[in-house]
C-alpha atoms as a PDB file:
ATOM      1  CA  UNK A   1      53.311  79.632  57.430  1.00  0.00           C
ATOM      2  CA  UNK A   2      53.310  83.370  58.195  1.00  0.00           C
ATOM      3  CA  UNK A   3      52.134  82.755  61.762  1.00  0.00           C
ATOM      4  CA  UNK A   4      55.008  80.403  62.490  1.00  0.00           C
ATOM      5  CA  UNK A   5      57.479  82.925  61.123  1.00  0.00           C
ATOM      6  CA  UNK A   6      56.220  85.765  63.355  1.00  0.00           C
ATOM      7  CA  UNK A   7      55.738  83.612  66.445  1.00  0.00           C
ATOM      8  CA  UNK A   8      59.287  82.222  66.307  1.00  0.00           C
ATOM      9  CA  UNK A   9      60.881  85.672  66.231  1.00  0.00           C
ATOM     10  CA  UNK A  10      61.289  87.522  69.500  1.00  0.00           C
ATOM     11  CA  UNK A  11      63.752  90.348  68.836  1.00  0.00           C
ATOM     12  CA  UNK A  12      63.792  93.050  66.198  1.00  0.00           C
ATOM     13  CA  UNK A  13      67.021  91.904  64.575  1.00  0.00           C
ATOM     14  CA  UNK A  14      65.665  88.380  64.159  1.00  0.00           C
ATOM     15  CA  UNK A  15      62.561  89.808  62.526  1.00  0.00           C
ATOM     16  CA  UNK A  16      64.653  91.839  60.106  1.00  0.00           C
ATOM     17  CA  UNK A  17      66.865  88.878  59.250  1.00  0.00           C
ATOM     18  CA  UNK A  18      63.818  86.775  58.459  1.00  0.00           C
ATOM     19  CA  UNK A  19      62.590  89.228  55.830  1.00  0.00           C
ATOM     20  CA  UNK A  20      64.492  88.459  52.613  1.00  0.00           C
ATOM     21  CA  UNK A  21      63.090  91.339  50.552  1.00  0.00           C
ATOM     22  CA  UNK A  22      64.805  94.141  52.513  1.00  0.00           C
ATOM     23  CA  UNK A  23      67.921  95.812  51.238  1.00  0.00           C
ATOM     24  CA  UNK A  24      70.576  97.241  53.560  1.00  0.00           C
ATOM     25  CA  UNK A  25      69.158 100.774  53.590  1.00  0.00           C
ATOM     26  CA  UNK A  26      65.674  99.547  54.422  1.00  0.00           C
ATOM     27  CA  UNK A  27      67.004  97.333  57.185  1.00  0.00           C
ATOM     28  CA  UNK A  28      69.029 100.122  58.812  1.00  0.00           C
ATOM     29  CA  UNK A  29      66.150 102.607  58.624  1.00  0.00           C
ATOM     30  CA  UNK A  30      63.756 100.107  60.180  1.00  0.00           C
ATOM     31  CA  UNK A  31      66.201  99.527  63.026  1.00  0.00           C
ATOM     32  CA  UNK A  32      66.617 103.279  63.586  1.00  0.00           C
ATOM     33  CA  UNK A  33      62.854 103.790  63.509  1.00  0.00           C
ATOM     34  CA  UNK A  34      62.279 101.022  66.046  1.00  0.00           C
ATOM     35  CA  UNK A  35      64.910 102.445  68.390  1.00  0.00           C
ATOM     36  CA  UNK A  36      63.424 105.924  68.099  1.00  0.00           C
ATOM     37  CA  UNK A  37      59.927 104.568  68.745  1.00  0.00           C
ATOM     38  CA  UNK A  38      61.159 102.675  71.803  1.00  0.00           C
ATOM     39  CA  UNK A  39      62.837 105.787  73.226  1.00  0.00           C
ATOM     40  CA  UNK A  40      59.734 107.868  72.569  1.00  0.00           C
ATOM     41  CA  UNK A  41      57.502 105.347  74.311  1.00  0.00           C
ATOM     42  CA  UNK A  42      59.806 105.386  77.348  1.00  0.00           C
ATOM     43  CA  UNK A  43      59.672 109.190  77.494  1.00  0.00           C
ATOM     44  CA  UNK A  44      55.898 109.213  77.128  1.00  0.00           C
ATOM     45  CA  UNK A  45      55.555 106.593  79.854  1.00  0.00           C
ATOM     46  CA  UNK A  46      57.591 108.820  82.177  1.00  0.00           C
ATOM     47  CA  UNK A  47      55.440 111.836  81.341  1.00  0.00           C
ATOM     48  CA  UNK A  48      52.231 109.917  82.001  1.00  0.00           C
ATOM     49  CA  UNK A  49      53.448 108.708  85.383  1.00  0.00           C
ATOM     50  CA  UNK A  50      54.470 112.220  86.474  1.00  0.00           C
ATOM     51  CA  UNK A  51      52.008 114.133  88.669  1.00  0.00           C
ATOM     52  CA  UNK A  52      51.431 117.667  87.445  1.00  0.00           C
ATOM     53  CA  UNK A  53      50.615 120.587  89.750  1.00  0.00           C
ATOM     54  CA  UNK A  54      47.212 122.212  89.277  1.00  0.00           C
ATOM     55  CA  UNK A  55      47.138 124.867  86.593  1.00  0.00           C
ATOM     56  CA  UNK A  56      46.202 128.424  87.585  1.00  0.00           C
ATOM     57  CA  UNK A  57      43.049 129.879  86.088  1.00  0.00           C
ATOM     58  CA  UNK A  58      44.367 132.677  83.872  1.00  0.00           C
ATOM     59  CA  UNK A  59      41.179 133.105  81.890  1.00  0.00           C
ATOM     60  CA  UNK A  60      39.952 136.716  81.811  1.00  0.00           C
ATOM     61  CA  UNK A  61      36.955 137.048  84.072  1.00  0.00           C
ATOM     62  CA  UNK A  62      35.656 140.407  82.853  1.00  0.00           C
ATOM     63  CA  UNK A  63      32.179 139.162  82.025  1.00  0.00           C
ATOM     64  CA  UNK A  64      31.927 137.290  85.297  1.00  0.00           C
ATOM     65  CA  UNK A  65      32.367 140.387  87.469  1.00  0.00           C
ATOM     66  CA  UNK A  66      29.164 142.344  86.824  1.00  0.00           C
ATOM     67  CA  UNK A  67      26.193 141.128  88.846  1.00  0.00           C
ATOM     68  CA  UNK A  68      23.491 139.312  86.967  1.00  0.00           C
ATOM     69  CA  UNK A  69      19.802 138.935  87.428  1.00  0.00           C
ATOM     70  CA  UNK A  70      17.878 135.670  87.782  1.00  0.00           C
ATOM     71  CA  UNK A  71      17.518 135.433  84.004  1.00  0.00           C
ATOM     72  CA  UNK A  72      21.294 135.786  83.496  1.00  0.00           C
ATOM     73  CA  UNK A  73      21.259 139.318  82.103  1.00  0.00           C
ATOM     74  CA  UNK A  74      23.498 142.042  83.474  1.00  0.00           C
ATOM     75  CA  UNK A  75      21.816 144.237  86.059  1.00  0.00           C
ATOM     76  CA  UNK A  76      21.369 147.926  85.396  1.00  0.00           C
ATOM     77  CA  UNK A  77      22.813 150.406  87.897  1.00  0.00           C
ATOM     78  CA  UNK A  78      19.306 150.984  89.288  1.00  0.00           C
ATOM     79  CA  UNK A  79      18.773 147.257  89.807  1.00  0.00           C
ATOM     80  CA  UNK A  80      22.173 146.958  91.505  1.00  0.00           C
ATOM     81  CA  UNK A  81      21.277 149.823  93.855  1.00  0.00           C
ATOM     82  CA  UNK A  82      17.938 148.252  94.796  1.00  0.00           C
ATOM     83  CA  UNK A  83      19.597 144.880  95.334  1.00  0.00           C
ATOM     84  CA  UNK A  84      22.167 146.450  97.682  1.00  0.00           C
ATOM     85  CA  UNK A  85      19.402 148.205  99.630  1.00  0.00           C
ATOM     86  CA  UNK A  86      17.615 144.878 100.104  1.00  0.00           C
ATOM     87  CA  UNK A  87      20.706 143.387 101.720  1.00  0.00           C
END
């Protein structure tokens, strides 16, 4: 019986009319909520379809600047000098 009731109803107002246990306040709030949900889904669908430009990398790169050795440690000034002489 419950399947036939839900399958026969296609619009929101028909669904609300079929529910006898709703008072007027409940019915109006459900209608408002459904409209708000529909508008929100339309806005979200527009946002998902929009192509965004690439974001700039604003992360501080202070620790990436100093040269590092093969083990990942920062090089000492002496090691940096010897590395520059090798080049």
